Amino acid sequence: MPEQTTEQQPADPFKPYKERFESYDCLPKKGRDKEDIFKELSTMAKEENAQWKTGQVSGTFYHAGEEHLAFLNRIFSLFSHVNTIQPDLCPSMSKFESEIVSMTARMLNGEAAKNTNLADEVCGTVTSGGSESILMAMKVYRDNARAEKNITAPEIIMPKTAHPAFHKAGEYFGIRMVEVPVELPDFRVDPAAVRKLINANTVAIVGSAGNYPYGLIDPLEDLSNIALEHGLGFHVDGCLGGFILPWIEKLGYNIPTFDFRLPGLTSMSADTHKFGFGLKGSSVILYRNRSFRRHQYFNVPDWPGGIYGSPSMPGSRSGGLTASTWAAMVYLGEEGYLKAAESIMSVADELKKGIEDIPELTLIGDPTFVISFRSDKIDVFHVNDFMKTKGWRFNVLQLPPALHFCVTMPQTLVAGVAGRFIRDLRAGVEYAKSAAGTESQTSALYGISGSIEGNKMVSELLTAFFDHFYTV
């Protein structure tokens, strides 16, 4: 019977350097030596990188290899001082961002939009990440509905599985986000349930390609038809899948239509800093035409400091990120992205087959690069407890309890990862059997929401964590 081992953990896992390196609650009287600073930070980076370079971390690091990263950092350094909001001084930013948007639109079949309406020409902007892309789209639907339909109490219908950034948009922009539950065995949104929730204040509906918890693609064709029928906006969140699903589809996998080939699709988000393999802090938001995008822009024409305008939420943005994102896309090209997807799916298919062969575990849906599973026979949180001792980091799901593992490039760069995963997972299942009736360490943190009391407890825990995070 496998035993769960214990690791030596720092007293505070979120501040492990506190006792090792000097902390600063104010500026030092005299600046430190550059090489000394570099040596200290190199130590931190080396230790932290060692955790994910094993290929045992789910998602998180969308890393296309050391050579690729070094290339992007070289490009970043050329434009690290540049502000994209000043294209008169740095016209390269206009080149890079317009081409990033155009390449992404073409990858997601933006040309198909012209076949449904000659006035449509897919357009968009670069953003700082998936959350900003989602927020911008939700703002656009709010403002478009106010201008075109005089709707002042907007509602947007979204699956329960849609990213929390949609709720953030609702809170920030005064939009009522209406959740549609997802249920066993499908865990995808039910179009009939969406249709029933539409009312005079509904301005848009949302679907995922794929959703974060399970990696599943919602029935987007049905949602597209509903949006057309009711004259609604329809946003597909492709932050996770936008830069890999096109290539998985080209490899011959059965992928439902998820992009601008859907005639009702009016906006789509896709993260260049995930499977686009750019540096962290970049995404793209696309719209079917400019009439939507114009509602994203912000301007103050009569400010004493001069005419002010910005295309998205931030003012200043890093030119280094823009340049390195462009460089990643043109360096990899279609061939590079297709090769990466093939490598990722090779590992994902092996993991999927291995999980299917473990009778105590049940795969959720028909996964691609995100493999999620649950169990009616054991506590999967006990499995997670065991897998952590072997160096694996799953994403822990709740409502119902489940685990997922997102395959990214690091899993393709380390030999034997899939085989080791399945061996350890089988041992984890045996451990979970032996631990039946005991409380798992994982369940103390997850699975307590879903009630007023539980949700309040989660909110208080997160507030305490963020307070701790920002305390020296």
Protein backbone atom coordinates (compact mmCIF):
# COMPACT_ATOMS: atom_id res chain seq x y z
CA MET A 1 0.00 0.00 0.00
CA PRO A 2 1.58 3.30 -1.01
CA GLU A 3 2.21 5.73 1.79
CA GLN A 4 1.90 9.47 1.64
CA THR A 5 5.23 11.13 2.31
CA THR A 6 5.71 14.53 3.85
CA GLU A 7 7.89 17.31 2.50
CA GLN A 8 9.82 19.90 4.41
CA GLN A 9 7.85 23.09 3.89
CA PRO A 10 8.82 26.64 4.83
CA ALA A 11 6.91 28.17 7.74
CA ASP A 12 5.12 30.44 5.25
CA PRO A 13 4.97 28.86 1.77
CA PHE A 14 4.03 32.20 0.18
CA LYS A 15 7.03 34.02 1.69
CA PRO A 16 9.84 31.42 1.72
CA TYR A 17 12.55 34.04 1.18
CA LYS A 18 11.77 36.06 4.27
CA GLU A 19 14.39 34.39 6.43
CA ARG A 20 16.91 33.93 3.62
CA PHE A 21 17.13 37.37 2.06
CA GLU A 22 16.78 40.90 3.33
CA SER A 23 13.27 42.35 3.26
CA TYR A 24 12.51 45.99 2.48
CA ASP A 25 9.64 47.97 3.94
CA CYS A 26 11.30 51.22 2.80
CA LEU A 27 13.94 52.21 0.29
CA PRO A 28 17.51 51.30 1.31
CA LYS A 29 19.63 54.30 2.29
CA LYS A 30 22.18 53.29 -0.31
CA GLY A 31 21.51 51.32 -3.45
CA ARG A 32 22.80 47.74 -3.65
CA ASP A 33 25.42 46.34 -5.99
CA LYS A 34 23.95 45.29 -9.35
CA GLU A 35 25.70 41.92 -9.47
CA ASP A 36 24.64 41.15 -5.91
CA ILE A 37 21.01 41.87 -6.81
CA PHE A 38 21.29 39.75 -9.94
CA LYS A 39 22.77 36.85 -8.01
CA GLU A 40 19.98 36.96 -5.42
CA LEU A 41 17.21 37.06 -8.02
CA SER A 42 18.90 34.35 -10.07
CA THR A 43 18.74 32.10 -7.02
CA MET A 44 15.01 32.69 -6.68
CA ALA A 45 14.38 32.16 -10.40
CA LYS A 46 16.41 28.96 -10.53
CA GLU A 47 14.59 27.43 -7.56
CA GLU A 48 11.15 28.39 -8.85
CA ASN A 49 11.85 27.26 -12.41
CA ALA A 50 12.97 23.88 -11.13
CA GLN A 51 9.39 23.18 -10.02
CA TRP A 52 7.79 23.40 -13.46
CA LYS A 53 10.67 22.27 -15.65
CA THR A 54 9.94 18.71 -14.49
CA GLY A 55 6.79 18.79 -16.64
CA GLN A 56 4.69 17.96 -13.58
CA VAL A 57 2.79 21.26 -13.31
CA SER A 58 -0.64 21.60 -14.90
CA GLY A 59 -0.93 24.60 -17.24
CA THR A 60 0.50 27.80 -15.71
CA PHE A 61 3.74 27.85 -17.74
CA TYR A 62 3.14 27.99 -21.50
CA HIS A 63 6.81 27.72 -22.25
CA ALA A 64 8.15 26.73 -25.67
CA GLY A 65 11.69 25.97 -24.55
CA GLU A 66 14.75 27.81 -23.28
CA GLU A 67 15.89 28.92 -26.74
CA HIS A 68 12.46 30.38 -27.55
CA LEU A 69 12.31 32.20 -24.20
CA ALA A 70 15.81 33.62 -24.66
CA PHE A 71 14.83 34.88 -28.12
CA LEU A 72 11.72 36.62 -26.78
CA ASN A 73 13.69 38.22 -23.94
CA ARG A 74 16.19 39.59 -26.48
CA ILE A 75 13.34 41.13 -28.44
CA PHE A 76 11.75 42.50 -25.26
CA SER A 77 14.96 44.25 -24.30
CA LEU A 78 14.92 46.23 -27.56
CA PHE A 79 11.57 47.84 -26.68
CA SER A 80 11.38 47.52 -22.88
CA HIS A 81 11.43 51.32 -22.51
CA VAL A 82 8.73 51.92 -25.13
CA ASN A 83 5.17 52.99 -24.35
CA THR A 84 2.62 51.75 -26.91
CA ILE A 85 0.42 54.78 -26.24
CA GLN A 86 2.93 56.97 -28.11
CA PRO A 87 2.99 55.55 -31.65
CA ASP A 88 4.15 58.87 -33.12
CA LEU A 89 7.53 58.30 -31.47
CA CYS A 90 7.49 54.53 -31.89
CA PRO A 91 5.53 53.63 -35.06
CA SER A 92 6.78 50.06 -34.74
CA MET A 93 4.04 49.58 -32.14
CA SER A 94 1.33 50.23 -34.73
CA LYS A 95 2.95 47.72 -37.07
CA PHE A 96 3.27 45.04 -34.40
CA GLU A 97 -0.18 45.39 -32.87
CA SER A 98 -2.12 45.68 -36.12
CA GLU A 99 -0.34 42.61 -37.45
CA ILE A 100 -0.87 40.63 -34.22
CA VAL A 101 -4.60 41.34 -34.51
CA SER A 102 -4.68 40.53 -38.23
CA MET A 103 -2.77 37.25 -37.85
CA THR A 104 -4.99 36.17 -34.97
CA ALA A 105 -8.16 37.06 -36.87
CA ARG A 106 -7.02 35.08 -39.91
CA MET A 107 -6.11 32.09 -37.70
CA LEU A 108 -9.64 32.19 -36.23
CA ASN A 109 -11.27 32.31 -39.66
CA GLY A 110 -12.06 36.00 -39.66
CA GLU A 111 -12.38 35.80 -43.43
CA ALA A 112 -15.54 33.71 -42.97
CA ALA A 113 -17.27 36.74 -41.44
CA LYS A 114 -17.29 38.43 -44.84
CA ASN A 115 -19.27 35.53 -46.25
CA THR A 116 -22.16 36.24 -43.87
CA ASN A 117 -22.17 40.02 -44.15
CA LEU A 118 -20.10 42.02 -46.62
CA ALA A 119 -19.94 44.88 -44.10
CA ASP A 120 -18.21 42.63 -41.57
CA GLU A 121 -14.46 42.76 -41.26
CA VAL A 122 -13.02 41.15 -38.14
CA CYS A 123 -10.95 43.61 -36.13
CA GLY A 124 -9.71 43.96 -32.58
CA THR A 125 -7.01 45.15 -30.21
CA VAL A 126 -4.14 43.78 -28.17
CA THR A 127 -4.74 43.59 -24.41
CA SER A 128 -2.73 42.75 -21.30
CA GLY A 129 -4.28 39.29 -20.86
CA GLY A 130 -7.42 37.21 -21.01
CA SER A 131 -9.19 39.03 -18.21
CA GLU A 132 -8.81 42.38 -19.95
CA SER A 133 -9.98 40.88 -23.25
CA ILE A 134 -13.12 39.59 -21.53
CA LEU A 135 -13.72 42.83 -19.66
CA MET A 136 -13.41 44.86 -22.83
CA ALA A 137 -15.92 42.68 -24.69
CA MET A 138 -18.45 42.93 -21.87
CA LYS A 139 -18.05 46.72 -21.77
CA VAL A 140 -18.62 46.83 -25.52
CA TYR A 141 -21.90 44.92 -25.22
CA ARG A 142 -23.06 47.18 -22.40
CA ASP A 143 -22.29 50.36 -24.30
CA ASN A 144 -23.53 49.07 -27.65
CA ALA A 145 -26.88 48.07 -26.14
CA ARG A 146 -27.20 51.45 -24.44
CA ALA A 147 -26.50 53.28 -27.70
CA GLU A 148 -28.46 51.06 -30.07
CA LYS A 149 -31.32 49.75 -27.90
CA ASN A 150 -31.48 52.16 -24.96
CA ILE A 151 -30.89 49.29 -22.50
CA THR A 152 -29.73 50.73 -19.18
CA ALA A 153 -29.90 47.58 -17.00
CA PRO A 154 -27.91 45.15 -19.15
CA GLU A 155 -27.78 41.39 -18.55
CA ILE A 156 -25.37 38.85 -20.02
CA ILE A 157 -26.02 35.09 -19.89
CA MET A 158 -23.01 32.88 -19.18
CA PRO A 159 -22.34 29.23 -18.27
CA LYS A 160 -21.43 28.49 -14.66
CA THR A 161 -18.12 27.20 -16.05
CA ALA A 162 -17.23 30.49 -17.79
CA HIS A 163 -14.16 32.28 -16.45
CA PRO A 164 -14.59 34.43 -13.30
CA ALA A 165 -13.39 37.43 -15.34
CA PHE A 166 -16.97 37.66 -16.64
CA HIS A 167 -18.18 38.23 -13.09
CA LYS A 168 -15.40 40.76 -12.62
CA ALA A 169 -16.70 42.59 -15.70
CA GLY A 170 -20.19 42.51 -14.26
CA GLU A 171 -19.02 44.00 -10.98
CA TYR A 172 -16.81 46.63 -12.60
CA PHE A 173 -19.26 47.73 -15.30
CA GLY A 174 -22.64 47.31 -13.63
CA ILE A 175 -23.77 44.36 -15.75
CA ARG A 176 -25.96 41.61 -14.28
CA MET A 177 -24.26 38.32 -15.11
CA VAL A 178 -26.85 35.53 -15.31
CA GLU A 179 -25.38 32.08 -14.68
CA VAL A 180 -26.61 28.90 -16.35
CA PRO A 181 -25.83 25.75 -14.31
CA VAL A 182 -23.99 22.87 -15.96
CA GLU A 183 -24.79 19.31 -14.97
CA LEU A 184 -23.65 15.71 -15.25
CA PRO A 185 -22.68 14.05 -17.46
CA ASP A 186 -21.99 16.74 -20.08
CA PHE A 187 -20.75 19.73 -18.05
CA ARG A 188 -21.44 22.00 -21.05
CA VAL A 189 -24.03 24.73 -21.11
CA ASP A 190 -27.55 23.76 -22.22
CA PRO A 191 -28.70 26.02 -25.08
CA ALA A 192 -32.36 25.50 -24.11
CA ALA A 193 -31.60 26.82 -20.62
CA VAL A 194 -29.88 29.86 -22.17
CA ARG A 195 -32.90 30.55 -24.38
CA LYS A 196 -35.26 30.52 -21.38
CA LEU A 197 -33.24 33.21 -19.58
CA ILE A 198 -33.33 35.76 -22.41
CA ASN A 199 -35.37 38.87 -21.64
CA ALA A 200 -35.67 42.48 -22.76
CA ASN A 201 -32.45 43.44 -20.89
CA THR A 202 -30.29 40.65 -22.31
CA VAL A 203 -27.49 42.14 -24.40
CA ALA A 204 -25.22 39.13 -25.00
CA ILE A 205 -24.58 35.45 -24.35
CA VAL A 206 -21.29 33.70 -23.63
CA GLY A 207 -19.74 30.36 -24.51
CA SER A 208 -16.27 28.88 -23.93
CA ALA A 209 -13.75 27.23 -26.26
CA GLY A 210 -12.84 25.57 -24.04
CA ASN A 211 -13.84 26.27 -20.49
CA TYR A 212 -11.16 26.38 -17.82
CA PRO A 213 -12.45 23.72 -15.39
CA TYR A 214 -12.89 20.89 -17.90
CA GLY A 215 -11.40 22.17 -21.15
CA LEU A 216 -14.70 21.46 -22.93
CA ILE A 217 -16.17 23.42 -25.83
CA ASP A 218 -19.73 24.60 -25.25
CA PRO A 219 -22.38 23.92 -27.96
CA LEU A 220 -21.36 27.09 -29.76
CA GLU A 221 -23.30 26.48 -32.97
CA ASP A 222 -26.56 26.37 -31.01
CA LEU A 223 -25.60 29.49 -29.09
CA SER A 224 -24.73 31.23 -32.34
CA ASN A 225 -28.19 30.47 -33.70
CA ILE A 226 -29.83 31.78 -30.53
CA ALA A 227 -27.83 35.01 -30.74
CA LEU A 228 -28.88 35.53 -34.35
CA GLU A 229 -32.51 34.74 -33.57
CA HIS A 230 -32.67 37.31 -30.76
CA GLY A 231 -30.28 39.91 -32.15
CA LEU A 232 -27.81 39.47 -29.28
CA GLY A 233 -24.07 39.76 -28.96
CA PHE A 234 -22.29 36.41 -28.72
CA HIS A 235 -18.84 36.17 -27.15
CA VAL A 236 -16.70 33.05 -27.35
CA ASP A 237 -14.00 32.91 -24.70
CA GLY A 238 -11.05 31.34 -26.47
CA CYS A 239 -8.48 32.66 -24.02
CA LEU A 240 -7.44 29.09 -23.25
CA GLY A 241 -8.11 27.33 -26.54
CA GLY A 242 -7.89 30.08 -29.14
CA PHE A 243 -4.25 29.50 -30.08
CA ILE A 244 -4.31 25.70 -30.02
CA LEU A 245 -7.75 24.53 -31.16
CA PRO A 246 -7.17 25.68 -34.77
CA TRP A 247 -4.09 23.47 -34.97
CA ILE A 248 -5.67 20.52 -33.16
CA GLU A 249 -8.46 20.73 -35.73
CA LYS A 250 -5.92 20.71 -38.57
CA LEU A 251 -4.38 17.57 -37.05
CA GLY A 252 -7.67 15.78 -37.70
CA TYR A 253 -9.26 15.82 -34.25
CA ASN A 254 -13.04 16.20 -34.09
CA ILE A 255 -13.30 19.81 -32.94
CA PRO A 256 -16.69 21.56 -33.19
CA THR A 257 -16.75 24.93 -34.93
CA PHE A 258 -15.60 27.55 -32.43
CA ASP A 259 -14.57 30.70 -34.32
CA PHE A 260 -15.83 33.28 -36.84
CA ARG A 261 -17.26 30.55 -39.05
CA LEU A 262 -20.17 30.80 -36.59
CA PRO A 263 -22.42 33.47 -38.15
CA GLY A 264 -23.73 34.70 -34.79
CA LEU A 265 -20.28 35.16 -33.24
CA THR A 266 -19.63 38.84 -32.56
CA SER A 267 -16.48 38.71 -30.41
CA MET A 268 -13.77 36.27 -29.37
CA SER A 269 -10.85 36.43 -26.96
CA ALA A 270 -7.59 34.51 -27.49
CA ASP A 271 -4.48 34.64 -25.33
CA THR A 272 -1.15 35.09 -27.07
CA HIS A 273 0.58 34.48 -23.72
CA LYS A 274 -0.82 30.94 -23.47
CA PHE A 275 -0.59 28.69 -26.51
CA GLY A 276 0.53 31.66 -28.60
CA PHE A 277 3.81 31.20 -26.66
CA GLY A 278 4.38 34.90 -26.10
CA LEU A 279 5.65 36.43 -22.87
CA LYS A 280 3.16 36.86 -20.03
CA GLY A 281 0.89 39.84 -20.30
CA SER A 282 -0.66 39.72 -23.79
CA SER A 283 -3.96 38.70 -25.35
CA VAL A 284 -6.18 39.65 -28.29
CA ILE A 285 -9.85 40.63 -28.33
CA LEU A 286 -11.55 40.35 -31.72
CA TYR A 287 -14.87 41.77 -32.95
CA ARG A 288 -16.89 40.90 -36.03
CA ASN A 289 -16.77 44.53 -37.17
CA ARG A 290 -15.69 48.02 -36.20
CA SER A 291 -19.14 49.05 -34.98
CA PHE A 292 -18.51 46.87 -31.93
CA ARG A 293 -14.85 47.81 -31.42
CA ARG A 294 -15.59 51.55 -31.34
CA HIS A 295 -17.37 51.05 -27.99
CA GLN A 296 -14.10 49.80 -26.47
CA TYR A 297 -12.16 53.01 -27.06
CA PHE A 298 -11.87 55.70 -24.36
CA ASN A 299 -11.12 59.38 -24.95
CA VAL A 300 -11.19 62.77 -23.23
CA PRO A 301 -10.96 65.41 -25.98
CA ASP A 302 -10.98 68.50 -23.71
CA TRP A 303 -8.41 67.57 -21.05
CA PRO A 304 -6.00 70.44 -20.22
CA GLY A 305 -3.11 68.05 -20.74
CA GLY A 306 -4.13 67.56 -24.35
CA ILE A 307 -6.41 65.18 -26.18
CA TYR A 308 -6.29 61.82 -24.41
CA GLY A 309 -7.32 58.47 -25.81
CA SER A 310 -6.59 54.81 -25.18
CA PRO A 311 -7.89 51.71 -26.99
CA SER A 312 -8.34 49.58 -23.86
CA MET A 313 -8.17 49.74 -20.06
CA PRO A 314 -4.50 50.64 -19.46
CA GLY A 315 -2.91 53.86 -20.52
CA SER A 316 0.77 53.00 -20.67
CA ARG A 317 1.62 49.53 -21.94
CA SER A 318 4.96 47.83 -22.50
CA GLY A 319 6.32 47.96 -26.02
CA GLY A 320 8.53 45.04 -25.07
CA LEU A 321 5.52 42.78 -24.66
CA THR A 322 4.01 43.90 -27.95
CA ALA A 323 7.26 43.36 -29.87
CA SER A 324 7.98 39.97 -28.31
CA THR A 325 4.42 38.77 -28.96
CA TRP A 326 4.74 39.71 -32.62
CA ALA A 327 8.13 38.02 -32.76
CA ALA A 328 6.77 34.80 -31.23
CA MET A 329 4.01 34.60 -33.83
CA VAL A 330 6.13 35.27 -36.90
CA TYR A 331 8.96 33.04 -35.63
CA LEU A 332 6.71 30.03 -35.04
CA GLY A 333 4.39 30.50 -38.00
CA GLU A 334 1.75 27.94 -38.94
CA GLU A 335 4.33 25.17 -39.08
CA GLY A 336 5.60 25.87 -35.56
CA TYR A 337 2.14 26.08 -34.01
CA LEU A 338 1.05 22.89 -35.73
CA LYS A 339 4.15 21.05 -34.54
CA ALA A 340 3.61 22.30 -30.97
CA ALA A 341 -0.04 21.18 -31.01
CA GLU A 342 0.98 17.75 -32.29
CA SER A 343 3.50 17.34 -29.46
CA ILE A 344 0.99 18.50 -26.84
CA MET A 345 -1.77 16.21 -28.11
CA SER A 346 0.59 13.24 -28.19
CA VAL A 347 1.11 13.61 -24.43
CA ALA A 348 -2.54 14.49 -23.78
CA ASP A 349 -3.78 11.40 -25.62
CA GLU A 350 -1.49 9.20 -23.53
CA LEU A 351 -2.73 10.77 -20.30
CA LYS A 352 -6.36 10.42 -21.39
CA LYS A 353 -5.90 6.73 -22.25
CA GLY A 354 -4.15 6.07 -18.94
CA ILE A 355 -6.93 7.72 -16.91
CA GLU A 356 -9.60 5.81 -18.84
CA ASP A 357 -7.87 2.57 -17.83
CA ILE A 358 -8.19 3.35 -14.10
CA PRO A 359 -11.66 2.05 -13.12
CA GLU A 360 -12.04 4.32 -10.10
CA LEU A 361 -11.73 7.48 -12.23
CA THR A 362 -14.18 9.02 -14.72
CA LEU A 363 -13.12 11.39 -17.47
CA ILE A 364 -15.27 14.49 -17.78
CA GLY A 365 -16.48 14.94 -21.34
CA ASP A 366 -14.29 14.41 -24.40
CA PRO A 367 -11.12 16.32 -23.51
CA THR A 368 -8.36 17.58 -25.76
CA PHE A 369 -5.37 19.25 -24.07
CA VAL A 370 -7.10 19.71 -20.68
CA ILE A 371 -7.91 16.36 -19.07
CA SER A 372 -10.32 16.51 -16.14
CA PHE A 373 -11.59 13.61 -14.06
CA ARG A 374 -13.74 12.86 -11.04
CA SER A 375 -14.73 9.74 -9.09
CA ASP A 376 -17.82 8.22 -7.52
CA LYS A 377 -15.68 5.60 -5.75
CA ILE A 378 -12.89 7.51 -4.01
CA ASP A 379 -12.14 11.02 -2.78
CA VAL A 380 -10.14 12.63 -5.60
CA PHE A 381 -8.83 15.18 -3.13
CA HIS A 382 -6.94 12.34 -1.42
CA VAL A 383 -5.47 11.56 -4.85
CA ASN A 384 -4.34 15.17 -5.08
CA ASP A 385 -2.76 14.97 -1.61
CA PHE A 386 -0.71 11.99 -2.75
CA MET A 387 0.25 13.43 -6.12
CA LYS A 388 1.61 16.58 -4.46
CA THR A 389 4.12 14.43 -2.59
CA LYS A 390 5.36 13.17 -5.95
CA GLY A 391 5.85 16.70 -7.26
CA TRP A 392 2.68 16.94 -9.34
CA ARG A 393 0.53 20.05 -9.32
CA PHE A 394 -3.04 19.57 -10.47
CA ASN A 395 -5.73 22.20 -10.77
CA VAL A 396 -8.31 21.35 -8.11
CA LEU A 397 -11.96 21.73 -9.10
CA GLN A 398 -15.09 21.88 -6.99
CA LEU A 399 -18.85 21.52 -7.36
CA PRO A 400 -18.38 18.56 -7.96
CA PRO A 401 -14.91 17.58 -6.65
CA ALA A 402 -12.58 16.89 -9.56
CA LEU A 403 -9.01 17.41 -10.80
CA HIS A 404 -7.63 18.53 -14.11
CA PHE A 405 -4.24 18.53 -15.76
CA CYS A 406 -3.57 20.96 -18.61
CA VAL A 407 -0.85 19.80 -20.99
CA THR A 408 1.48 22.55 -22.20
CA MET A 409 4.90 22.51 -23.85
CA PRO A 410 6.90 21.64 -20.68
CA GLN A 411 5.27 18.18 -20.70
CA THR A 412 6.58 17.63 -24.23
CA LEU A 413 10.14 18.66 -23.36
CA VAL A 414 10.74 16.04 -20.63
CA ALA A 415 11.00 12.37 -21.58
CA GLY A 416 8.68 9.90 -19.88
CA VAL A 417 6.32 12.43 -18.26
CA ALA A 418 3.12 10.68 -19.35
CA GLY A 419 4.22 7.26 -18.13
CA ARG A 420 5.32 8.67 -14.78
CA PHE A 421 2.01 10.52 -14.49
CA ILE A 422 -0.05 7.34 -14.94
CA ARG A 423 2.12 5.30 -12.55
CA ASP A 424 1.87 7.93 -9.83
CA LEU A 425 -1.86 8.43 -10.47
CA ARG A 426 -2.52 4.70 -10.01
CA ALA A 427 -0.59 4.85 -6.74
CA GLY A 428 -2.59 7.94 -5.78
CA VAL A 429 -5.83 6.05 -6.30
CA GLU A 430 -4.58 3.25 -4.04
CA TYR A 431 -3.64 5.81 -1.43
CA ALA A 432 -7.12 7.36 -1.66
CA LYS A 433 -8.66 3.93 -1.03
CA SER A 434 -6.52 3.47 2.07
CA ALA A 435 -7.43 6.97 3.31
CA ALA A 436 -11.18 6.51 2.90
CA GLY A 437 -13.11 8.06 5.78
CA THR A 438 -10.40 10.57 6.65
CA GLU A 439 -10.33 14.25 5.76
CA SER A 440 -7.99 15.19 2.94
CA GLN A 441 -5.68 18.18 3.15
CA THR A 442 -7.09 19.46 -0.14
CA SER A 443 -10.71 19.47 1.02
CA ALA A 444 -9.82 21.92 3.77
CA LEU A 445 -9.27 24.53 1.04
CA TYR A 446 -11.61 23.51 -1.74
CA GLY A 447 -15.23 22.48 -1.90
CA ILE A 448 -16.49 24.72 0.91
CA SER A 449 -18.36 27.13 -1.34
CA GLY A 450 -21.86 26.72 -2.66
CA SER A 451 -23.74 28.06 0.35
CA ILE A 452 -24.07 31.55 1.83
CA GLU A 453 -21.91 30.56 4.81
CA GLY A 454 -19.36 28.75 2.66
CA ASN A 455 -19.09 31.56 0.13
CA LYS A 456 -18.62 34.08 2.91
CA MET A 457 -15.85 31.93 4.39
CA VAL A 458 -14.10 31.69 1.01
CA SER A 459 -14.31 35.46 0.53
CA GLU A 460 -12.83 36.07 3.97
CA LEU A 461 -10.02 33.57 3.32
CA LEU A 462 -9.16 35.20 -0.01
CA THR A 463 -9.25 38.68 1.52
CA ALA A 464 -6.90 37.52 4.26
CA PHE A 465 -4.60 35.95 1.66
CA PHE A 466 -4.38 39.12 -0.44
CA ASP A 467 -3.76 41.20 2.68
CA HIS A 468 -0.94 38.77 3.58
CA PHE A 469 0.42 38.81 0.01
CA TYR A 470 0.87 42.59 0.11
CA THR A 471 2.47 42.62 3.56
CA VAL A 472 6.27 42.59 3.85
